[in-house]
Structures are given as structure tokens and as C-alpha cells.
């Protein structure tokens, strides 16, 4: 697995979703994912910023929500308030997954 493909997975994005978010064609993203081409710095930087936003919103959510209170809409509200822009829909799932896993660890 290429580092690019792993980064997409951490951000919760499929090739099609990443194509829309990054503004890069699906065939080119498939090359990046397969490791046959290297993505440009700008594309990697966009993914890095998205991942950073996912982590920050996840951490903030831990301060705000109990396990049964978190919803994608509530997470989106935090993302907009904290970063001034919404998260792409697939990234919301990553935030909720990080939140749930962290809460489970805290309960142990």
C-alpha cells in the first residue's frame, strides 16, 4: 500500500471522494494510490491539512460530547466554528471513529 493510499484511508476518503475534494482526476489518484506516480506537494499538503483538521475536531469533540451524543451534524458544527469551513462528509466518519475509539480506551 502506498503512503498516499494510507493517507486517503486516514481521512476516510475513497478515490472518487478525494478526486472531488482535491480537484484531481480519478485516474491520476489511482496512480498515486498504486505508487506508480508521486503526488505533487500541494496535493499532499491538502491531505495533511485535512488530517490535521480531523484530529483537532476529534480532540475538541472529546471535550464537548459524551459517547451517545456525537453525531455528524454536531461534529460539522465544531469543524465550522473551529476552522471556518465544513469537513468533507467522509472525513466526518473519521472524526466519529477517532472519537469512539478514544472514548472506548478512556472507559478501560
PDB file of N, CA and C in Angstrom:
ATOM      1  N   UNK A   1       0.846  -1.173   0.000  1.00  0.00           N
ATOM      2  CA  UNK A   1       0.000   0.000   0.000  1.00  0.00           C
ATOM      3  C   UNK A   1       0.894   1.241   0.000  1.00  0.00           C
ATOM      4  N   UNK A   2       0.543   2.189  -0.823  1.00  0.00           N
ATOM      5  CA  UNK A   2       1.326   3.420  -0.888  1.00  0.00           C
ATOM      6  C   UNK A   2       0.970   4.325   0.291  1.00  0.00           C
ATOM      7  N   UNK A   3       1.870   5.238   0.597  1.00  0.00           N
ATOM      8  CA  UNK A   3       1.613   6.214   1.652  1.00  0.00           C
ATOM      9  C   UNK A   3       0.402   7.074   1.297  1.00  0.00           C
ATOM     10  N   UNK A   4       0.241   7.386   0.021  1.00  0.00           N
ATOM     11  CA  UNK A   4      -0.890   8.197  -0.405  1.00  0.00           C
ATOM     12  C   UNK A   4      -2.200   7.467  -0.143  1.00  0.00           C
ATOM     13  N   UNK A   5      -2.250   6.188  -0.462  1.00  0.00           N
ATOM     14  CA  UNK A   5      -3.466   5.406  -0.234  1.00  0.00           C
ATOM     15  C   UNK A   5      -3.772   5.326   1.261  1.00  0.00           C
ATOM     16  N   UNK A   6      -2.736   5.159   2.062  1.00  0.00           N
ATOM     17  CA  UNK A   6      -2.926   5.131   3.509  1.00  0.00           C
ATOM     18  C   UNK A   6      -3.459   6.474   4.011  1.00  0.00           C
ATOM     19  N   UNK A   7      -2.948   7.579   3.464  1.00  0.00           N
ATOM     20  CA  UNK A   7      -3.409   8.908   3.864  1.00  0.00           C
ATOM     21  C   UNK A   7      -4.881   9.098   3.509  1.00  0.00           C
ATOM     22  N   UNK A   8      -5.279   8.631   2.337  1.00  0.00           N
ATOM     23  CA  UNK A   8      -6.695   8.711   1.967  1.00  0.00           C
ATOM     24  C   UNK A   8      -7.551   7.951   2.976  1.00  0.00           C
ATOM     25  N   UNK A   9      -7.077   6.773   3.358  1.00  0.00           N
ATOM     26  CA  UNK A   9      -7.814   5.962   4.323  1.00  0.00           C
ATOM     27  C   UNK A   9      -7.945   6.653   5.674  1.00  0.00           C
ATOM     28  N   UNK A  10      -6.877   7.286   6.138  1.00  0.00           N
ATOM     29  CA  UNK A  10      -6.933   8.006   7.410  1.00  0.00           C
ATOM     30  C   UNK A  10      -7.932   9.160   7.362  1.00  0.00           C
ATOM     31  N   UNK A  11      -8.076   9.735   6.196  1.00  0.00           N
ATOM     32  CA  UNK A  11      -9.026  10.842   6.019  1.00  0.00           C
ATOM     33  C   UNK A  11     -10.418  10.339   5.666  1.00  0.00           C
ATOM     34  N   UNK A  12     -10.572   9.020   5.540  1.00  0.00           N
ATOM     35  CA  UNK A  12     -11.875   8.421   5.278  1.00  0.00           C
ATOM     36  C   UNK A  12     -12.364   8.597   3.853  1.00  0.00           C
ATOM     37  N   UNK A  13     -11.440   8.824   2.920  1.00  0.00           N
ATOM     38  CA  UNK A  13     -11.856   9.174   1.561  1.00  0.00           C
ATOM     39  C   UNK A  13     -11.579   8.059   0.554  1.00  0.00           C
ATOM     40  N   UNK A  14     -12.552   7.850  -0.305  1.00  0.00           N
ATOM     41  CA  UNK A  14     -12.363   6.964  -1.452  1.00  0.00           C
ATOM     42  C   UNK A  14     -11.678   7.765  -2.558  1.00  0.00           C
ATOM     43  N   UNK A  15     -11.303   7.083  -3.618  1.00  0.00           N
ATOM     44  CA  UNK A  15     -10.706   7.762  -4.779  1.00  0.00           C
ATOM     45  C   UNK A  15     -11.682   8.800  -5.336  1.00  0.00           C
ATOM     46  N   UNK A  16     -12.932   8.421  -5.488  1.00  0.00           N
ATOM     47  CA  UNK A  16     -13.924   9.349  -6.053  1.00  0.00           C
ATOM     48  C   UNK A  16     -14.113  10.570  -5.161  1.00  0.00           C
ATOM     49  N   UNK A  17     -14.195  10.355  -3.856  1.00  0.00           N
ATOM     50  CA  UNK A  17     -14.375  11.466  -2.925  1.00  0.00           C
ATOM     51  C   UNK A  17     -13.148  12.368  -2.903  1.00  0.00           C
ATOM     52  N   UNK A  18     -11.975  11.741  -2.928  1.00  0.00           N
ATOM     53  CA  UNK A  18     -10.735  12.517  -2.935  1.00  0.00           C
ATOM     54  C   UNK A  18     -10.589  13.303  -4.223  1.00  0.00           C
ATOM     55  N   UNK A  19     -11.050  12.741  -5.319  1.00  0.00           N
ATOM     56  CA  UNK A  19     -10.976  13.442  -6.599  1.00  0.00           C
ATOM     57  C   UNK A  19     -11.728  14.770  -6.517  1.00  0.00           C
ATOM     58  N   UNK A  20     -12.920  14.715  -5.953  1.00  0.00           N
ATOM     59  CA  UNK A  20     -13.726  15.929  -5.819  1.00  0.00           C
ATOM     60  C   UNK A  20     -13.061  16.904  -4.847  1.00  0.00           C
ATOM     61  N   UNK A  21     -12.612  16.412  -3.699  1.00  0.00           N
ATOM     62  CA  UNK A  21     -12.021  17.266  -2.673  1.00  0.00           C
ATOM     63  C   UNK A  21     -10.708  17.895  -3.129  1.00  0.00           C
ATOM     64  N   UNK A  22      -9.862  17.089  -3.774  1.00  0.00           N
ATOM     65  CA  UNK A  22      -8.528  17.561  -4.162  1.00  0.00           C
ATOM     66  C   UNK A  22      -8.499  18.238  -5.526  1.00  0.00           C
ATOM     67  N   UNK A  23      -9.555  18.026  -6.324  1.00  0.00           N
ATOM     68  CA  UNK A  23      -9.568  18.602  -7.666  1.00  0.00           C
ATOM     69  C   UNK A  23      -8.595  17.918  -8.611  1.00  0.00           C
ATOM     70  N   UNK A  24      -8.423  16.618  -8.402  1.00  0.00           N
ATOM     71  CA  UNK A  24      -7.509  15.804  -9.215  1.00  0.00           C
ATOM     72  C   UNK A  24      -8.325  14.670  -9.815  1.00  0.00           C
ATOM     73  N   UNK A  25      -8.017  14.303 -11.048  1.00  0.00           N
ATOM     74  CA  UNK A  25      -8.789  13.255 -11.711  1.00  0.00           C
ATOM     75  C   UNK A  25      -8.642  11.906 -10.994  1.00  0.00           C
ATOM     76  N   UNK A  26      -9.686  11.108 -11.103  1.00  0.00           N
ATOM     77  CA  UNK A  26      -9.645   9.772 -10.511  1.00  0.00           C
ATOM     78  C   UNK A  26      -8.511   8.919 -11.078  1.00  0.00           C
ATOM     79  N   UNK A  27      -8.289   8.920 -12.408  1.00  0.00           N
ATOM     80  CA  UNK A  27      -7.172   8.120 -12.918  1.00  0.00           C
ATOM     81  C   UNK A  27      -5.818   8.526 -12.312  1.00  0.00           C
ATOM     82  N   UNK A  28      -5.612   9.831 -12.123  1.00  0.00           N
ATOM     83  CA  UNK A  28      -4.349  10.267 -11.533  1.00  0.00           C
ATOM     84  C   UNK A  28      -4.252   9.832 -10.075  1.00  0.00           C
ATOM     85  N   UNK A  29      -5.364   9.923  -9.348  1.00  0.00           N
ATOM     86  CA  UNK A  29      -5.350   9.477  -7.959  1.00  0.00           C
ATOM     87  C   UNK A  29      -5.092   7.975  -7.858  1.00  0.00           C
ATOM     88  N   UNK A  30      -5.575   7.234  -8.824  1.00  0.00           N
ATOM     89  CA  UNK A  30      -5.292   5.792  -8.836  1.00  0.00           C
ATOM     90  C   UNK A  30      -3.802   5.532  -9.017  1.00  0.00           C
ATOM     91  N   UNK A  31      -3.150   6.358  -9.832  1.00  0.00           N
ATOM     92  CA  UNK A  31      -1.685   6.243  -9.974  1.00  0.00           C
ATOM     93  C   UNK A  31      -0.994   6.557  -8.654  1.00  0.00           C
ATOM     94  N   UNK A  32      -1.423   7.622  -7.995  1.00  0.00           N
ATOM     95  CA  UNK A  32      -0.829   7.977  -6.698  1.00  0.00           C
ATOM     96  C   UNK A  32      -1.047   6.855  -5.689  1.00  0.00           C
ATOM     97  N   UNK A  33      -2.260   6.295  -5.675  1.00  0.00           N
ATOM     98  CA  UNK A  33      -2.584   5.233  -4.724  1.00  0.00           C
ATOM     99  C   UNK A  33      -1.795   3.958  -4.988  1.00  0.00           C
ATOM    100  N   UNK A  34      -1.548   3.684  -6.253  1.00  0.00           N
ATOM    101  CA  UNK A  34      -0.777   2.490  -6.616  1.00  0.00           C
ATOM    102  C   UNK A  34       0.720   2.694  -6.423  1.00  0.00           C
ATOM    103  N   UNK A  35       1.124   3.945  -6.250  1.00  0.00           N
ATOM    104  CA  UNK A  35       2.546   4.242  -6.089  1.00  0.00           C
ATOM    105  C   UNK A  35       3.297   4.348  -7.395  1.00  0.00           C
ATOM    106  N   UNK A  36       2.581   4.390  -8.518  1.00  0.00           N
ATOM    107  CA  UNK A  36       3.256   4.489  -9.817  1.00  0.00           C
ATOM    108  C   UNK A  36       3.600   5.928 -10.178  1.00  0.00           C
ATOM    109  N   UNK A  37       2.981   6.880  -9.486  1.00  0.00           N
ATOM    110  CA  UNK A  37       3.299   8.305  -9.638  1.00  0.00           C
ATOM    111  C   UNK A  37       3.293   8.946  -8.260  1.00  0.00           C
ATOM    112  N   UNK A  38       4.105   9.954  -8.123  1.00  0.00           N
ATOM    113  CA  UNK A  38       4.162  10.686  -6.862  1.00  0.00           C
ATOM    114  C   UNK A  38       3.235  11.896  -6.921  1.00  0.00           C
ATOM    115  N   UNK A  39       2.401  12.072  -5.912  1.00  0.00           N
ATOM    116  CA  UNK A  39       1.534  13.249  -5.909  1.00  0.00           C
ATOM    117  C   UNK A  39       2.354  14.516  -5.687  1.00  0.00           C
ATOM    118  N   UNK A  40       1.899  15.616  -6.255  1.00  0.00           N
ATOM    119  CA  UNK A  40       2.604  16.873  -6.028  1.00  0.00           C
ATOM    120  C   UNK A  40       2.460  17.330  -4.575  1.00  0.00           C
ATOM    121  N   UNK A  41       3.365  18.175  -4.165  1.00  0.00           N
ATOM    122  CA  UNK A  41       3.384  18.675  -2.798  1.00  0.00           C
ATOM    123  C   UNK A  41       2.039  19.284  -2.403  1.00  0.00           C
ATOM    124  N   UNK A  42       1.404  20.021  -3.308  1.00  0.00           N
ATOM    125  CA  UNK A  42       0.147  20.690  -2.988  1.00  0.00           C
ATOM    126  C   UNK A  42      -0.948  19.694  -2.613  1.00  0.00           C
ATOM    127  N   UNK A  43      -0.980  18.569  -3.300  1.00  0.00           N
ATOM    128  CA  UNK A  43      -1.988  17.540  -3.019  1.00  0.00           C
ATOM    129  C   UNK A  43      -1.726  16.925  -1.643  1.00  0.00           C
ATOM    130  N   UNK A  44      -0.474  16.625  -1.370  1.00  0.00           N
ATOM    131  CA  UNK A  44      -0.129  16.071  -0.055  1.00  0.00           C
ATOM    132  C   UNK A  44      -0.423  17.078   1.053  1.00  0.00           C
ATOM    133  N   UNK A  45      -0.152  18.344   0.783  1.00  0.00           N
ATOM    134  CA  UNK A  45      -0.415  19.387   1.781  1.00  0.00           C
ATOM    135  C   UNK A  45      -1.911  19.504   2.074  1.00  0.00           C
ATOM    136  N   UNK A  46      -2.744  19.392   1.053  1.00  0.00           N
ATOM    137  CA  UNK A  46      -4.195  19.445   1.273  1.00  0.00           C
ATOM    138  C   UNK A  46      -4.655  18.282   2.156  1.00  0.00           C
ATOM    139  N   UNK A  47      -4.123  17.087   1.897  1.00  0.00           N
ATOM    140  CA  UNK A  47      -4.487  15.928   2.717  1.00  0.00           C
ATOM    141  C   UNK A  47      -3.973  16.096   4.141  1.00  0.00           C
ATOM    142  N   UNK A  48      -2.776  16.625   4.286  1.00  0.00           N
ATOM    143  CA  UNK A  48      -2.207  16.841   5.616  1.00  0.00           C
ATOM    144  C   UNK A  48      -3.051  17.837   6.409  1.00  0.00           C
ATOM    145  N   UNK A  49      -3.482  18.917   5.760  1.00  0.00           N
ATOM    146  CA  UNK A  49      -4.343  19.893   6.442  1.00  0.00           C
ATOM    147  C   UNK A  49      -5.683  19.264   6.832  1.00  0.00           C
ATOM    148  N   UNK A  50      -6.234  18.438   5.952  1.00  0.00           N
ATOM    149  CA  UNK A  50      -7.494  17.760   6.267  1.00  0.00           C
ATOM    150  C   UNK A  50      -7.306  16.832   7.459  1.00  0.00           C
ATOM    151  N   UNK A  51      -6.238  16.064   7.463  1.00  0.00           N
ATOM    152  CA  UNK A  51      -5.984  15.157   8.578  1.00  0.00           C
ATOM    153  C   UNK A  51      -5.820  15.939   9.878  1.00  0.00           C
ATOM    154  N   UNK A  52      -5.104  17.052   9.816  1.00  0.00           N
ATOM    155  CA  UNK A  52      -4.921  17.895  10.994  1.00  0.00           C
ATOM    156  C   UNK A  52      -6.270  18.386  11.510  1.00  0.00           C
ATOM    157  N   UNK A  53      -7.142  18.781  10.594  1.00  0.00           N
ATOM    158  CA  UNK A  53      -8.472  19.243  10.984  1.00  0.00           C
ATOM    159  C   UNK A  53      -9.272  18.097  11.607  1.00  0.00           C
ATOM    160  N   UNK A  54      -9.172  16.906  11.039  1.00  0.00           N
ATOM    161  CA  UNK A  54      -9.866  15.736  11.593  1.00  0.00           C
ATOM    162  C   UNK A  54      -9.425  15.492  13.033  1.00  0.00           C
ATOM    163  N   UNK A  55      -8.120  15.518  13.269  1.00  0.00           N
ATOM    164  CA  UNK A  55      -7.591  15.265  14.616  1.00  0.00           C
ATOM    165  C   UNK A  55      -8.030  16.361  15.581  1.00  0.00           C
ATOM    166  N   UNK A  56      -7.931  17.617  15.160  1.00  0.00           N
ATOM    167  CA  UNK A  56      -8.323  18.724  16.032  1.00  0.00           C
ATOM    168  C   UNK A  56      -9.812  18.670  16.377  1.00  0.00           C
ATOM    169  N   UNK A  57     -10.637  18.403  15.405  1.00  0.00           N
ATOM    170  CA  UNK A  57     -12.080  18.330  15.664  1.00  0.00           C
ATOM    171  C   UNK A  57     -12.387  17.121  16.547  1.00  0.00           C
ATOM    172  N   UNK A  58     -11.680  16.017  16.350  1.00  0.00           N
ATOM    173  CA  UNK A  58     -11.871  14.837  17.213  1.00  0.00           C
ATOM    174  C   UNK A  58     -11.532  15.169  18.651  1.00  0.00           C
ATOM    175  N   UNK A  59     -10.393  15.837  18.849  1.00  0.00           N
ATOM    176  CA  UNK A  59      -9.976  16.193  20.202  1.00  0.00           C
ATOM    177  C   UNK A  59     -10.968  17.160  20.852  1.00  0.00           C
ATOM    178  N   UNK A  60     -11.425  18.128  20.094  1.00  0.00           N
ATOM    179  CA  UNK A  60     -12.391  19.081  20.634  1.00  0.00           C
ATOM    180  C   UNK A  60     -13.707  18.370  20.957  1.00  0.00           C
ATOM    181  N   UNK A  61     -14.094  17.436  20.136  1.00  0.00           N
ATOM    182  CA  UNK A  61     -15.333  16.692  20.373  1.00  0.00           C
ATOM    183  C   UNK A  61     -15.285  15.931  21.684  1.00  0.00           C
ATOM    184  N   UNK A  62     -14.103  15.458  22.058  1.00  0.00           N
ATOM    185  CA  UNK A  62     -13.959  14.731  23.318  1.00  0.00           C
ATOM    186  C   UNK A  62     -14.282  15.625  24.509  1.00  0.00           C
ATOM    187  N   UNK A  63     -14.021  16.921  24.363  1.00  0.00           N
ATOM    188  CA  UNK A  63     -14.310  17.869  25.443  1.00  0.00           C
ATOM    189  C   UNK A  63     -15.787  18.251  25.501  1.00  0.00           C
ATOM    190  N   UNK A  64     -16.506  18.013  24.410  1.00  0.00           N
ATOM    191  CA  UNK A  64     -17.875  18.515  24.290  1.00  0.00           C
ATOM    192  C   UNK A  64     -18.932  17.415  24.440  1.00  0.00           C
ATOM    193  N   UNK A  65     -18.670  16.249  23.882  1.00  0.00           N
ATOM    194  CA  UNK A  65     -19.707  15.220  23.775  1.00  0.00           C
ATOM    195  C   UNK A  65     -19.430  14.009  24.646  1.00  0.00           C
ATOM    196  N   UNK A  66     -20.519  13.410  25.084  1.00  0.00           N
ATOM    197  CA  UNK A  66     -20.463  12.072  25.652  1.00  0.00           C
ATOM    198  C   UNK A  66     -20.594  11.099  24.491  1.00  0.00           C
ATOM    199  N   UNK A  67     -20.330   9.828  24.753  1.00  0.00           N
ATOM    200  CA  UNK A  67     -20.327   8.839  23.673  1.00  0.00           C
ATOM    201  C   UNK A  67     -21.639   8.784  22.906  1.00  0.00           C
ATOM    202  N   UNK A  68     -22.748   8.887  23.581  1.00  0.00           N
ATOM    203  CA  UNK A  68     -24.038   8.748  22.904  1.00  0.00           C
ATOM    204  C   UNK A  68     -24.561  10.061  22.325  1.00  0.00           C
ATOM    205  N   UNK A  69     -23.811  11.138  22.453  1.00  0.00           N
ATOM    206  CA  UNK A  69     -24.258  12.434  21.954  1.00  0.00           C
ATOM    207  C   UNK A  69     -23.666  12.819  20.599  1.00  0.00           C
ATOM    208  N   UNK A  70     -22.607  12.183  20.185  1.00  0.00           N
ATOM    209  CA  UNK A  70     -21.905  12.620  18.976  1.00  0.00           C
ATOM    210  C   UNK A  70     -22.685  12.237  17.725  1.00  0.00           C
ATOM    211  N   UNK A  71     -22.810  13.197  16.836  1.00  0.00           N
ATOM    212  CA  UNK A  71     -23.449  12.981  15.541  1.00  0.00           C
ATOM    213  C   UNK A  71     -22.637  13.714  14.484  1.00  0.00           C
ATOM    214  N   UNK A  72     -22.732  13.292  13.236  1.00  0.00           N
ATOM    215  CA  UNK A  72     -22.020  14.016  12.180  1.00  0.00           C
ATOM    216  C   UNK A  72     -22.389  15.500  12.115  1.00  0.00           C
ATOM    217  N   UNK A  73     -23.655  15.826  12.328  1.00  0.00           N
ATOM    218  CA  UNK A  73     -24.060  17.241  12.298  1.00  0.00           C
ATOM    219  C   UNK A  73     -23.396  18.037  13.416  1.00  0.00           C
ATOM    220  N   UNK A  74     -23.331  17.455  14.595  1.00  0.00           N
ATOM    221  CA  UNK A  74     -22.696  18.141  15.720  1.00  0.00           C
ATOM    222  C   UNK A  74     -21.198  18.329  15.466  1.00  0.00           C
ATOM    223  N   UNK A  75     -20.575  17.320  14.893  1.00  0.00           N
ATOM    224  CA  UNK A  75     -19.155  17.412  14.556  1.00  0.00           C
ATOM    225  C   UNK A  75     -18.939  18.506  13.512  1.00  0.00           C
ATOM    226  N   UNK A  76     -19.823  18.571  12.542  1.00  0.00           N
ATOM    227  CA  UNK A  76     -19.690  19.581  11.489  1.00  0.00           C
ATOM    228  C   UNK A  76     -19.791  20.991  12.083  1.00  0.00           C
ATOM    229  N   UNK A  77     -20.645  21.159  13.067  1.00  0.00           N
ATOM    230  CA  UNK A  77     -20.770  22.452  13.735  1.00  0.00           C
ATOM    231  C   UNK A  77     -19.446  22.854  14.373  1.00  0.00           C
ATOM    232  N   UNK A  78     -18.786  21.912  15.024  1.00  0.00           N
ATOM    233  CA  UNK A  78     -17.479  22.194  15.629  1.00  0.00           C
ATOM    234  C   UNK A  78     -16.459  22.520  14.548  1.00  0.00           C
ATOM    235  N   UNK A  79     -16.455  21.747  13.470  1.00  0.00           N
ATOM    236  CA  UNK A  79     -15.489  21.983  12.385  1.00  0.00           C
ATOM    237  C   UNK A  79     -15.640  23.394  11.819  1.00  0.00           C
ATOM    238  N   UNK A  80     -16.861  23.809  11.600  1.00  0.00           N
ATOM    239  CA  UNK A  80     -17.104  25.140  11.043  1.00  0.00           C
ATOM    240  C   UNK A  80     -16.698  26.212  12.045  1.00  0.00           C
ATOM    241  N   UNK A  81     -17.055  26.017  13.296  1.00  0.00           N
ATOM    242  CA  UNK A  81     -16.716  27.003  14.325  1.00  0.00           C
ATOM    243  C   UNK A  81     -15.202  27.109  14.520  1.00  0.00           C
ATOM    244  N   UNK A  82     -14.522  25.972  14.533  1.00  0.00           N
ATOM    245  CA  UNK A  82     -13.086  25.963  14.804  1.00  0.00           C
ATOM    246  C   UNK A  82     -12.228  26.316  13.592  1.00  0.00           C
ATOM    247  N   UNK A  83     -12.684  25.932  12.397  1.00  0.00           N
ATOM    248  CA  UNK A  83     -11.848  26.089  11.196  1.00  0.00           C
ATOM    249  C   UNK A  83     -12.459  26.983  10.126  1.00  0.00           C
ATOM    250  N   UNK A  84     -13.686  27.371  10.322  1.00  0.00           N
ATOM    251  CA  UNK A  84     -14.311  28.271   9.353  1.00  0.00           C
ATOM    252  C   UNK A  84     -14.831  27.596   8.106  1.00  0.00           C
ATOM    253  N   UNK A  85     -14.696  26.287   8.036  1.00  0.00           N
ATOM    254  CA  UNK A  85     -15.213  25.561   6.873  1.00  0.00           C
ATOM    255  C   UNK A  85     -15.620  24.159   7.298  1.00  0.00           C
ATOM    256  N   UNK A  86     -16.587  23.579   6.581  1.00  0.00           N
ATOM    257  CA  UNK A  86     -17.024  22.225   6.927  1.00  0.00           C
ATOM    258  C   UNK A  86     -16.004  21.184   6.498  1.00  0.00           C
ATOM    259  N   UNK A  87     -16.062  20.061   7.164  1.00  0.00           N
ATOM    260  CA  UNK A  87     -15.277  18.902   6.740  1.00  0.00           C
ATOM    261  C   UNK A  87     -15.997  18.213   5.594  1.00  0.00           C
ATOM    262  N   UNK A  88     -15.262  17.619   4.656  1.00  0.00           N
ATOM    263  CA  UNK A  88     -15.932  16.778   3.655  1.00  0.00           C
ATOM    264  C   UNK A  88     -16.645  15.633   4.382  1.00  0.00           C
ATOM    265  N   UNK A  89     -17.771  15.213   3.858  1.00  0.00           N
ATOM    266  CA  UNK A  89     -18.582  14.186   4.514  1.00  0.00           C
ATOM    267  C   UNK A  89     -17.783  12.950   4.936  1.00  0.00           C
ATOM    268  N   UNK A  90     -16.896  12.403   4.089  1.00  0.00           N
ATOM    269  CA  UNK A  90     -16.165  11.203   4.529  1.00  0.00           C
ATOM    270  C   UNK A  90     -15.270  11.467   5.739  1.00  0.00           C
ATOM    271  N   UNK A  91     -14.757  12.681   5.867  1.00  0.00           N
ATOM    272  CA  UNK A  91     -13.887  12.998   6.997  1.00  0.00           C
ATOM    273  C   UNK A  91     -14.673  13.014   8.304  1.00  0.00           C
ATOM    274  N   UNK A  92     -15.963  13.309   8.227  1.00  0.00           N
ATOM    275  CA  UNK A  92     -16.799  13.265   9.429  1.00  0.00           C
ATOM    276  C   UNK A  92     -16.788  11.869  10.041  1.00  0.00           C
ATOM    277  N   UNK A  93     -16.825  10.865   9.192  1.00  0.00           N
ATOM    278  CA  UNK A  93     -16.775   9.486   9.686  1.00  0.00           C
ATOM    279  C   UNK A  93     -15.463   9.207  10.397  1.00  0.00           C
ATOM    280  N   UNK A  94     -14.369   9.775   9.892  1.00  0.00           N
ATOM    281  CA  UNK A  94     -13.074   9.598  10.547  1.00  0.00           C
ATOM    282  C   UNK A  94     -13.077  10.247  11.925  1.00  0.00           C
ATOM    283  N   UNK A  95     -13.648  11.442  12.027  1.00  0.00           N
ATOM    284  CA  UNK A  95     -13.738  12.125  13.321  1.00  0.00           C
ATOM    285  C   UNK A  95     -14.524  11.272  14.312  1.00  0.00           C
ATOM    286  N   UNK A  96     -15.682  10.797  13.888  1.00  0.00           N
ATOM    287  CA  UNK A  96     -16.527   9.999  14.781  1.00  0.00           C
ATOM    288  C   UNK A  96     -15.809   8.705  15.169  1.00  0.00           C
ATOM    289  N   UNK A  97     -15.115   8.076  14.243  1.00  0.00           N
ATOM    290  CA  UNK A  97     -14.382   6.837  14.552  1.00  0.00           C
ATOM    291  C   UNK A  97     -13.280   7.092  15.576  1.00  0.00           C
ATOM    292  N   UNK A  98     -12.520   8.164  15.395  1.00  0.00           N
ATOM    293  CA  UNK A  98     -11.467   8.504  16.363  1.00  0.00           C
ATOM    294  C   UNK A  98     -12.089   8.787  17.725  1.00  0.00           C
ATOM    295  N   UNK A  99     -13.177   9.534  17.724  1.00  0.00           N
ATOM    296  CA  UNK A  99     -13.883   9.844  18.969  1.00  0.00           C
ATOM    297  C   UNK A  99     -14.292   8.565  19.690  1.00  0.00           C
ATOM    298  N   UNK A 100     -14.950   7.664  18.974  1.00  0.00           N
ATOM    299  CA  UNK A 100     -15.445   6.427  19.591  1.00  0.00           C
ATOM    300  C   UNK A 100     -14.288   5.578  20.118  1.00  0.00           C
ATOM    301  N   UNK A 101     -13.234   5.431  19.335  1.00  0.00           N
ATOM    302  CA  UNK A 101     -12.093   4.624  19.783  1.00  0.00           C
ATOM    303  C   UNK A 101     -11.428   5.241  21.006  1.00  0.00           C
ATOM    304  N   UNK A 102     -11.309   6.551  21.028  1.00  0.00           N
ATOM    305  CA  UNK A 102     -10.699   7.215  22.178  1.00  0.00           C
ATOM    306  C   UNK A 102     -11.574   7.054  23.412  1.00  0.00           C
ATOM    307  N   UNK A 103     -12.874   7.221  23.267  1.00  0.00           N
ATOM    308  CA  UNK A 103     -13.797   7.021  24.387  1.00  0.00           C
ATOM    309  C   UNK A 103     -13.720   5.591  24.929  1.00  0.00           C
ATOM    310  N   UNK A 104     -13.600   4.624  24.023  1.00  0.00           N
ATOM    311  CA  UNK A 104     -13.519   3.213  24.459  1.00  0.00           C
ATOM    312  C   UNK A 104     -12.241   3.001  25.261  1.00  0.00           C
ATOM    313  N   UNK A 105     -11.139   3.597  24.828  1.00  0.00           N
ATOM    314  CA  UNK A 105      -9.887   3.478  25.576  1.00  0.00           C
ATOM    315  C   UNK A 105      -9.987   4.144  26.935  1.00  0.00           C
ATOM    316  N   UNK A 106     -10.676   5.284  26.970  1.00  0.00           N
ATOM    317  CA  UNK A 106     -10.860   6.002  28.236  1.00  0.00           C
ATOM    318  C   UNK A 106     -11.700   5.197  29.228  1.00  0.00           C
ATOM    319  N   UNK A 107     -12.635   4.386  28.694  1.00  0.00           N
ATOM    320  CA  UNK A 107     -13.514   3.591  29.555  1.00  0.00           C
ATOM    321  C   UNK A 107     -12.813   2.372  30.146  1.00  0.00           C
ATOM    322  N   UNK A 108     -11.697   1.976  29.560  1.00  0.00           N
ATOM    323  CA  UNK A 108     -10.983   0.779  30.053  1.00  0.00           C
ATOM    324  C   UNK A 108     -10.208   1.043  31.316  1.00  0.00           C
TER     325      UNK A 108
END
